[in-house]
Amino acid sequence: MQVSLDWKQGLSFSGSAPSGFSLDISAYEDVGGTGDGFAPVELVALGLGSCTAIDVISILQKKRQDVHKFEVRVTTERREEHPKIWTRALIEYFITGKSVDPAAVERAIQLSSEKYCVVQNMLKATVNIETRYEIKEA
């Protein structure tokens, strides 16, 4: 895979990927950026969340779980000193549906974490990643 970053101005770029999509990227304002795009570390968090979200909802659909609403939240903690790498990440899955089986949800999260989510598997070598889920009846 090859992505491309085109400099716009200051500390702002336009990023594009082989998929044909693009997005704006900028440094945080407190380090001289203009805040007119995603910060790189936000993209990593979105990558982690979307990677596991795709896995989990796909597995739940294959298990014929009646999911009506699905949300994933990623919360990270960083070191105070440079490099300000993540020390912890919490991935929370919020599932609303009819008679959703907790065992199916646990298995889907496990498969994503251990086998399918490439982003999570790259990060877990250096980041303590925890998961939680909540099921609400529709």
Protein backbone atom coordinates (compact mmCIF):
# COMPACT_ATOMS: atom_id res chain seq x y z
CA MET A 1 0.00 0.00 0.00
CA GLN A 2 1.17 3.51 -0.73
CA VAL A 3 -0.50 6.68 0.56
CA SER A 4 0.31 10.23 -0.48
CA LEU A 5 0.50 13.49 1.45
CA ASP A 6 0.40 16.80 -0.41
CA TRP A 7 1.48 19.86 1.55
CA LYS A 8 -1.18 22.60 1.60
CA GLN A 9 0.44 25.23 3.85
CA GLY A 10 2.02 25.56 7.28
CA LEU A 11 1.59 22.19 8.98
CA SER A 12 -1.42 21.09 6.90
CA PHE A 13 -1.61 18.35 4.29
CA SER A 14 -4.12 16.59 2.09
CA GLY A 15 -3.78 12.83 2.38
CA SER A 16 -4.96 10.34 -0.21
CA ALA A 17 -5.04 6.57 -0.34
CA PRO A 18 -5.32 3.87 -3.03
CA SER A 19 -9.06 3.71 -2.30
CA GLY A 20 -9.37 7.11 -3.94
CA PHE A 21 -10.48 8.89 -0.78
CA SER A 22 -8.72 11.88 0.69
CA LEU A 23 -8.80 13.83 3.93
CA ASP A 24 -7.24 16.86 5.54
CA ILE A 25 -4.48 16.38 8.10
CA SER A 26 -2.98 19.03 10.38
CA ALA A 27 -0.85 19.33 13.49
CA TYR A 28 -2.62 20.35 16.69
CA GLU A 29 -2.83 24.10 17.19
CA ASP A 30 -0.71 23.92 20.37
CA VAL A 31 2.28 22.78 18.28
CA GLY A 32 1.87 25.29 15.46
CA GLY A 33 -0.82 23.65 13.39
CA THR A 34 -3.97 25.31 12.15
CA GLY A 35 -6.33 22.57 13.31
CA ASP A 36 -7.94 22.39 9.87
CA GLY A 37 -7.79 18.61 9.65
CA PHE A 38 -7.35 15.40 11.58
CA ALA A 39 -4.22 15.15 13.70
CA PRO A 40 -2.10 12.10 12.81
CA VAL A 41 -2.67 10.44 16.20
CA GLU A 42 -6.44 10.90 15.75
CA LEU A 43 -6.16 8.98 12.49
CA VAL A 44 -4.43 6.12 14.29
CA ALA A 45 -7.28 6.01 16.84
CA LEU A 46 -9.86 6.11 14.04
CA GLY A 47 -7.94 3.36 12.25
CA LEU A 48 -8.00 1.19 15.36
CA GLY A 49 -11.70 1.81 15.99
CA SER A 50 -12.80 1.33 12.41
CA CYS A 51 -10.68 -1.79 11.93
CA THR A 52 -12.24 -3.60 14.87
CA ALA A 53 -15.72 -2.16 14.18
CA ILE A 54 -15.70 -3.64 10.69
CA ASP A 55 -14.60 -7.02 12.05
CA VAL A 56 -17.08 -7.16 14.90
CA ILE A 57 -20.18 -6.06 12.99
CA SER A 58 -19.27 -8.42 10.13
CA ILE A 59 -18.94 -11.37 12.51
CA LEU A 60 -22.17 -10.48 14.32
CA GLN A 61 -23.99 -10.33 10.98
CA LYS A 62 -22.59 -13.73 10.00
CA LYS A 63 -23.81 -15.05 13.36
CA ARG A 64 -27.24 -13.66 12.45
CA GLN A 65 -27.38 -11.33 15.43
CA ASP A 66 -30.23 -8.79 15.16
CA VAL A 67 -28.17 -5.61 15.63
CA HIS A 68 -30.01 -2.32 15.13
CA LYS A 69 -27.34 0.13 16.27
CA PHE A 70 -23.60 -0.31 16.71
CA GLU A 71 -21.03 2.18 17.97
CA VAL A 72 -17.36 1.83 18.81
CA ARG A 73 -15.45 4.34 20.94
CA VAL A 74 -11.68 4.41 21.38
CA THR A 75 -10.18 6.27 24.34
CA THR A 76 -6.41 6.58 24.57
CA GLU A 77 -3.94 7.72 27.19
CA ARG A 78 -0.53 9.12 26.26
CA ARG A 79 2.75 9.72 28.01
CA GLU A 80 3.44 13.29 29.14
CA GLU A 81 6.99 13.32 27.75
CA HIS A 82 8.11 12.98 24.16
CA PRO A 83 7.56 10.81 22.33
CA LYS A 84 3.97 11.03 23.58
CA ILE A 85 3.12 7.46 22.66
CA TRP A 86 -0.01 5.75 23.80
CA THR A 87 0.28 3.84 27.05
CA ARG A 88 -3.29 2.54 27.08
CA ALA A 89 -6.26 2.24 24.76
CA LEU A 90 -9.81 1.32 25.70
CA ILE A 91 -12.10 0.07 22.94
CA GLU A 92 -15.79 0.15 23.89
CA TYR A 93 -18.48 -1.52 21.81
CA PHE A 94 -22.10 -0.39 22.20
CA ILE A 95 -24.61 -2.76 20.65
CA THR A 96 -28.37 -2.28 20.50
CA GLY A 97 -30.50 -5.07 19.12
CA LYS A 98 -33.02 -7.81 19.75
CA SER A 99 -31.84 -10.75 21.84
CA VAL A 100 -28.17 -10.18 20.99
CA ASP A 101 -26.15 -13.07 22.44
CA PRO A 102 -23.33 -11.87 24.75
CA ALA A 103 -21.27 -14.94 23.83
CA ALA A 104 -21.48 -13.97 20.15
CA VAL A 105 -20.32 -10.44 20.98
CA GLU A 106 -17.42 -11.72 23.13
CA ARG A 107 -16.32 -14.11 20.40
CA ALA A 108 -16.51 -11.42 17.71
CA ILE A 109 -14.38 -9.07 19.83
CA GLN A 110 -11.89 -11.87 20.54
CA LEU A 111 -11.57 -12.79 16.86
CA SER A 112 -11.02 -9.17 15.92
CA SER A 113 -8.44 -8.68 18.65
CA GLU A 114 -6.50 -11.90 18.12
CA LYS A 115 -6.85 -12.60 14.40
CA TYR A 116 -8.42 -10.08 12.06
CA CYS A 117 -7.76 -6.46 13.11
CA VAL A 118 -4.34 -5.66 11.68
CA VAL A 119 -4.25 -2.24 13.36
CA GLN A 120 -4.96 -3.66 16.81
CA ASN A 121 -2.40 -6.40 16.31
CA MET A 122 0.27 -3.87 15.32
CA LEU A 123 -0.46 -1.62 18.28
CA LYS A 124 -0.84 -4.21 21.02
CA ALA A 125 2.89 -4.94 20.97
CA THR A 126 3.45 -1.55 22.64
CA VAL A 127 0.03 -0.45 23.93
CA ASN A 128 -2.09 -2.00 26.67
CA ILE A 129 -5.41 -2.43 24.84
CA GLU A 130 -8.55 -3.21 26.81
CA THR A 131 -12.04 -3.92 25.51
CA ARG A 132 -15.51 -3.58 26.98
CA TYR A 133 -18.95 -4.01 25.54
CA GLU A 134 -22.51 -3.09 26.42
CA ILE A 135 -25.64 -4.64 24.96
CA LYS A 136 -28.99 -2.84 25.07
CA GLU A 137 -32.27 -4.45 24.12
CA ALA A 138 -34.01 -2.67 21.22
